[in-house]
Protein backbone atom coordinates (compact mmCIF):
# COMPACT_ATOMS: atom_id res chain seq x y z
CA MET A 1 10.78 17.07 26.89
CA GLU A 2 8.19 14.36 26.41
CA ASP A 3 9.10 12.81 29.78
CA LYS A 4 8.45 16.09 31.62
CA LYS A 5 5.02 16.48 29.96
CA GLU A 6 4.15 12.88 30.82
CA ARG A 7 5.08 13.40 34.48
CA LYS A 8 2.95 16.55 34.61
CA ASN A 9 -0.06 14.64 33.24
CA LYS A 10 0.45 11.84 35.77
CA LEU A 11 0.57 14.41 38.56
CA ARG A 12 -2.67 16.02 37.31
CA VAL A 13 -4.40 12.64 37.68
CA LEU A 14 -2.59 11.56 40.84
CA LEU A 15 -3.17 14.75 42.87
CA PRO A 16 -7.00 14.55 43.00
CA LEU A 17 -6.79 10.86 43.85
CA LEU A 18 -4.36 11.59 46.68
CA LEU A 19 -6.71 14.31 47.98
CA LEU A 20 -9.66 11.90 47.91
CA ALA A 21 -7.54 9.30 49.70
CA GLY A 22 -6.61 11.97 52.26
CA ALA A 23 -10.30 12.73 52.79
CA ALA A 24 -11.05 9.04 53.34
CA LEU A 25 -8.06 8.72 55.68
CA SER A 26 -8.95 11.74 57.85
CA TYR A 27 -12.58 10.61 58.05
CA GLY A 28 -11.43 7.10 58.97
CA ILE A 29 -9.13 8.47 61.68
CA TRP A 30 -12.03 10.51 63.11
CA ARG A 31 -14.34 7.48 63.18
CA LEU A 32 -11.66 5.22 64.66
CA ALA A 33 -10.65 7.77 67.31
CA GLY A 34 -14.29 8.29 68.28
CA HIS A 35 -14.86 4.54 68.50
CA LEU A 36 -11.73 3.94 70.58
CA CYS A 37 -12.65 6.79 72.92
CA GLU A 38 -16.17 5.41 73.30
CA GLN A 39 -14.80 1.94 74.12
CA GLY A 40 -12.57 3.48 76.79
CA GLY A 41 -15.32 5.59 78.38
CA LEU A 42 -14.01 8.81 76.86
CA ILE A 43 -15.31 11.57 74.58
CA LEU A 44 -13.24 13.07 71.78
CA ARG A 45 -12.57 16.79 72.27
CA ASN A 46 -14.30 19.22 69.89
CA TRP A 47 -11.09 20.62 68.43
CA VAL A 48 -9.99 17.13 67.33
CA SER A 49 -13.31 16.39 65.63
CA ASP A 50 -13.45 19.85 64.04
CA THR A 51 -9.90 19.53 62.66
CA LEU A 52 -10.39 16.04 61.20
CA LEU A 53 -13.80 16.81 59.70
CA SER A 54 -12.57 20.09 58.21
CA ALA A 55 -9.62 18.26 56.62
CA THR A 56 -12.04 15.66 55.26
CA PHE A 57 -14.33 18.30 53.75
CA LEU A 58 -11.50 20.35 52.22
CA CYS A 59 -9.73 17.32 50.73
CA LEU A 60 -12.99 15.95 49.37
CA VAL A 61 -14.11 19.20 47.74
CA THR A 62 -10.68 19.97 46.31
CA GLY A 63 -10.23 16.42 45.00
CA VAL A 64 -13.66 16.40 43.33
CA ILE A 65 -13.08 19.79 41.70
CA LEU A 66 -9.67 18.70 40.38
CA LEU A 67 -11.21 15.49 39.02
CA ILE A 68 -13.92 17.49 37.28
CA LEU A 69 -11.30 19.74 35.72
CA LEU A 70 -9.70 16.67 34.12
CA ILE A 71 -12.84 16.03 32.05
CA ARG A 72 -12.30 17.01 28.43
CA ILE A 73 -15.96 17.37 27.38
CA LYS A 74 -16.74 21.03 28.08
CA VAL A 75 -20.53 20.71 28.47
CA LEU A 76 -20.16 17.85 30.95
CA LYS A 77 -17.46 19.76 32.82
CA VAL A 78 -19.67 22.86 33.17
CA ILE A 79 -22.67 20.79 34.32
CA LEU A 80 -20.57 18.95 36.93
CA ILE A 81 -19.00 22.19 38.18
CA LEU A 82 -22.47 23.73 38.58
CA LEU A 83 -23.82 20.64 40.37
CA THR A 84 -20.78 20.50 42.65
CA SER A 85 -21.10 24.20 43.44
CA LEU A 86 -24.78 23.72 44.26
CA LEU A 87 -24.00 20.76 46.54
CA ILE A 88 -21.24 22.71 48.28
CA ALA A 89 -23.56 25.69 48.82
CA ILE A 90 -26.36 23.52 50.21
CA SER A 91 -24.07 21.50 52.48
CA SER A 92 -22.33 24.67 53.68
CA TYR A 93 -25.70 26.16 54.63
CA TYR A 94 -26.66 23.11 56.70
CA LEU A 95 -23.16 22.90 58.16
CA PHE A 96 -23.44 26.53 59.25
CA ILE A 97 -26.82 25.86 60.91
CA ALA A 98 -25.38 22.80 62.67
CA VAL A 99 -22.36 24.74 63.94
CA VAL A 100 -24.53 27.61 65.21
CA LEU A 101 -26.99 25.31 66.99
CA PHE A 102 -24.80 22.44 68.13
CA HIS A 103 -21.30 23.80 68.69
CA TRP A 104 -20.63 23.68 72.40
CA PRO A 105 -17.56 25.58 73.59
CA GLU A 106 -15.12 23.67 75.79
CA HIS A 107 -12.91 25.14 78.49
CA VAL A 108 -10.22 23.36 80.47
CA VAL A 109 -10.59 24.59 84.06
CA ASP A 110 -9.12 23.87 87.48
CA ARG A 111 -11.85 23.56 90.07
CA ASP A 112 -11.41 22.42 93.65
CA GLY A 113 -7.92 21.12 92.85
CA GLU A 114 -9.16 18.94 89.95
CA LYS A 115 -8.76 19.48 86.22
CA TYR A 116 -12.03 19.43 84.24
CA VAL A 117 -13.26 20.01 80.72
CA ALA A 118 -16.25 22.34 81.04
CA VAL A 119 -18.70 21.99 78.14
CA VAL A 120 -21.07 24.94 77.75
CA ARG A 121 -24.48 24.09 76.30
CA ALA A 122 -26.22 27.37 75.63
CA PHE A 123 -29.31 27.78 73.50
CA LEU A 124 -32.44 28.84 75.37
CA ASP A 125 -30.98 27.81 78.74
CA THR A 126 -27.33 27.79 79.70
CA ASP A 127 -25.86 24.65 81.26
CA VAL A 128 -22.22 23.88 81.99
CA ASP A 129 -21.25 20.23 82.34
CA TYR A 130 -17.90 19.41 83.94
CA TYR A 131 -16.12 16.22 82.85
CA GLU A 132 -12.88 14.81 84.22
CA TYR A 133 -9.96 15.87 82.04
CA GLU A 134 -8.18 12.88 80.53
CA ASN A 135 -5.70 14.39 78.04
CA ILE A 136 -5.41 16.98 75.29
CA PHE A 137 -7.50 14.81 72.93
CA SER A 138 -10.30 13.51 75.17
CA TYR A 139 -12.20 13.67 78.46
CA LYS A 140 -14.10 11.12 80.52
CA GLU A 141 -17.72 10.53 79.52
CA ASN A 142 -19.39 10.85 82.93
CA ILE A 143 -20.59 14.29 84.03
CA ARG A 144 -19.08 15.16 87.42
CA ILE A 145 -20.70 18.57 87.98
CA LYS A 146 -23.66 20.25 86.28
CA GLU A 147 -24.33 23.97 86.66
CA TRP A 148 -27.43 25.76 85.44
CA TYR A 149 -27.25 29.48 84.71
CA GLY A 150 -30.86 30.04 83.68
CA GLU A 151 -32.24 31.48 80.51
CA GLY A 152 -29.95 32.90 77.90
CA ALA A 153 -27.47 31.71 75.34
CA SER A 154 -24.20 33.10 76.62
CA ASP A 155 -20.98 31.38 77.64
CA PRO A 156 -20.48 32.01 81.39
CA LEU A 157 -16.85 30.83 81.18
CA GLU A 158 -15.75 33.01 78.26
CA ASN A 159 -13.91 35.41 80.60
CA GLY A 160 -12.40 32.60 82.68
CA TYR A 161 -13.59 30.29 85.42
CA ASP A 162 -12.88 32.78 88.22
CA LYS A 163 -14.97 35.53 86.55
CA ARG A 164 -18.02 33.39 85.85
CA PRO A 165 -21.39 34.45 87.30
CA GLU A 166 -22.83 32.45 90.17
CA PRO A 167 -24.88 29.49 88.86
CA LEU A 168 -28.55 29.24 89.85
CA SER A 169 -28.12 25.55 90.69
CA THR A 170 -25.27 23.04 90.94
CA GLN A 171 -25.46 19.24 90.94
CA TRP A 172 -22.61 16.87 91.82
CA PHE A 173 -22.45 13.31 90.50
CA GLU A 174 -20.52 10.33 91.86
CA TYR A 175 -19.71 7.11 89.98
CA ASP A 176 -18.48 3.68 91.06
CA ASP A 177 -15.43 1.94 89.57
CA GLU A 178 -17.46 0.59 86.65
CA GLY A 179 -18.78 4.04 85.70
CA ASN A 180 -22.28 3.52 87.12
CA ARG A 181 -23.82 6.53 88.80
CA VAL A 182 -24.12 6.27 92.60
CA TYR A 183 -27.28 7.85 94.03
């Protein structure tokens, strides 16, 4: 009986520590993947970054809350829960603003017999940048095609590449073997 209670107490301490280690691990994987992509002339796809950063945030918040719940002094526990809730609310607000302003939808499209990742940047003007598709996790860093759709904040590719409106201007970019732009 005592052994079972002791194991339960060890698990109560071990679980938050494992969650915090998971947060550090997923953040480390995100940083390492981004660095390796950058060294190879690639950009990490949005879904990879979003998944790893969401896992980091969830593990971190859950681990901190479970650690706070282990505190035996009730006044300190209440103060820390209130401070943590306040920090979560503030960071969630700024995270929401960042997602609304800086989340750029990506579409994998076939254009002229080539596979591209089309990144839509829509705020006051709408631009679509086409990058060479590398794999499911990344794309090449050099813009191959840039389309401008004018004013507005809509995604011209949301209904598919074939149903997109005609862009107001299109630029094509060429690069040499070292990745330098050729004019």
